[in-house]
Amino acid sequence: MKKIFLAAAITITSLVGLSAPSLAASTTVVVKRVDHHRPMARPMHRTNDCYVETVKHRDHGRVVVHKTRVCR
């Protein structure tokens, strides 16, 4: 009876040992990079949403006007 159990244990371990490399060959690892800012095939057409901002302030009693262009 001991010989049958020993033979069965050897058979099972040899089957597991031989089947593991064949299973490893079919395993595939997929790494996918998620990039939300993908480059576009052509550049985007942007409209100029610009305006001139006028700021007035006093400097030593004089009124100074600064005009700056602001684009969004």
Protein backbone atom coordinates (compact mmCIF):
# COMPACT_ATOMS: atom_id res chain seq x y z
CA MET A 1 0.00 0.00 0.00
CA LYS A 2 2.89 2.35 0.81
CA LYS A 3 4.41 1.72 -2.60
CA ILE A 4 1.16 2.71 -4.39
CA PHE A 5 0.93 6.02 -2.48
CA LEU A 6 4.61 6.71 -3.09
CA ALA A 7 4.24 5.96 -6.81
CA ALA A 8 1.14 8.20 -7.02
CA ALA A 9 2.94 11.04 -5.22
CA ILE A 10 5.93 10.78 -7.56
CA THR A 11 3.62 10.73 -10.60
CA ILE A 12 1.68 13.80 -9.45
CA THR A 13 4.84 15.80 -8.67
CA SER A 14 6.40 14.90 -12.02
CA LEU A 15 3.22 15.97 -13.86
CA VAL A 16 3.15 19.28 -11.99
CA GLY A 17 6.85 19.80 -12.64
CA LEU A 18 6.47 19.19 -16.37
CA SER A 19 3.25 21.16 -16.84
CA ALA A 20 4.44 24.37 -15.11
CA PRO A 21 6.91 25.40 -17.88
CA SER A 22 4.31 24.76 -20.58
CA LEU A 23 1.81 26.98 -18.74
CA ALA A 24 4.39 29.74 -18.28
CA ALA A 25 4.90 30.01 -22.05
CA SER A 26 1.27 30.98 -22.55
CA THR A 27 1.31 33.68 -19.86
CA THR A 28 1.31 37.20 -21.26
CA VAL A 29 2.04 40.41 -19.36
CA VAL A 30 0.38 43.51 -20.80
CA VAL A 31 1.45 46.95 -19.62
CA LYS A 32 -0.76 49.74 -20.88
CA ARG A 33 0.15 53.37 -20.41
CA VAL A 34 -2.79 55.68 -19.91
CA ASP A 35 -1.92 59.06 -21.33
CA HIS A 36 -4.69 61.65 -21.21
CA HIS A 37 -2.59 64.22 -23.06
CA ARG A 38 -1.93 62.37 -26.28
CA PRO A 39 -0.25 64.29 -29.08
CA MET A 40 -2.65 65.26 -31.83
CA ALA A 41 -2.05 64.41 -35.47
CA ARG A 42 -2.49 68.06 -36.42
CA PRO A 43 -2.31 71.12 -34.22
CA MET A 44 -5.51 72.49 -32.80
CA HIS A 45 -6.87 75.66 -34.32
CA ARG A 46 -7.04 78.23 -31.56
CA THR A 47 -8.96 81.44 -31.67
CA ASN A 48 -7.49 84.52 -30.06
CA ASP A 49 -9.61 85.37 -27.05
CA CYS A 50 -7.62 88.48 -26.20
CA TYR A 51 -8.54 91.82 -24.73
CA VAL A 52 -6.71 94.91 -23.55
CA GLU A 53 -6.79 95.49 -19.82
CA THR A 54 -6.36 99.09 -18.68
CA VAL A 55 -5.10 99.76 -15.15
CA LYS A 56 -4.87 103.28 -13.75
CA HIS A 57 -2.98 104.14 -10.58
CA ARG A 58 -1.32 107.15 -9.01
CA ASP A 59 2.45 107.49 -8.72
CA HIS A 60 3.69 110.55 -6.80
CA GLY A 61 0.56 112.52 -7.73
CA ARG A 62 0.56 111.54 -11.42
CA VAL A 63 -1.98 109.22 -13.01
CA VAL A 64 -0.21 106.30 -14.68
CA VAL A 65 -2.09 104.15 -17.19
CA HIS A 66 -0.88 100.62 -17.96
CA LYS A 67 -2.41 98.78 -20.90
CA THR A 68 -1.70 95.06 -21.07
CA ARG A 69 -2.91 92.45 -23.53
CA VAL A 70 -4.54 89.47 -21.84
CA CYS A 71 -5.15 86.27 -23.84
CA ARG A 72 -7.01 83.25 -22.56
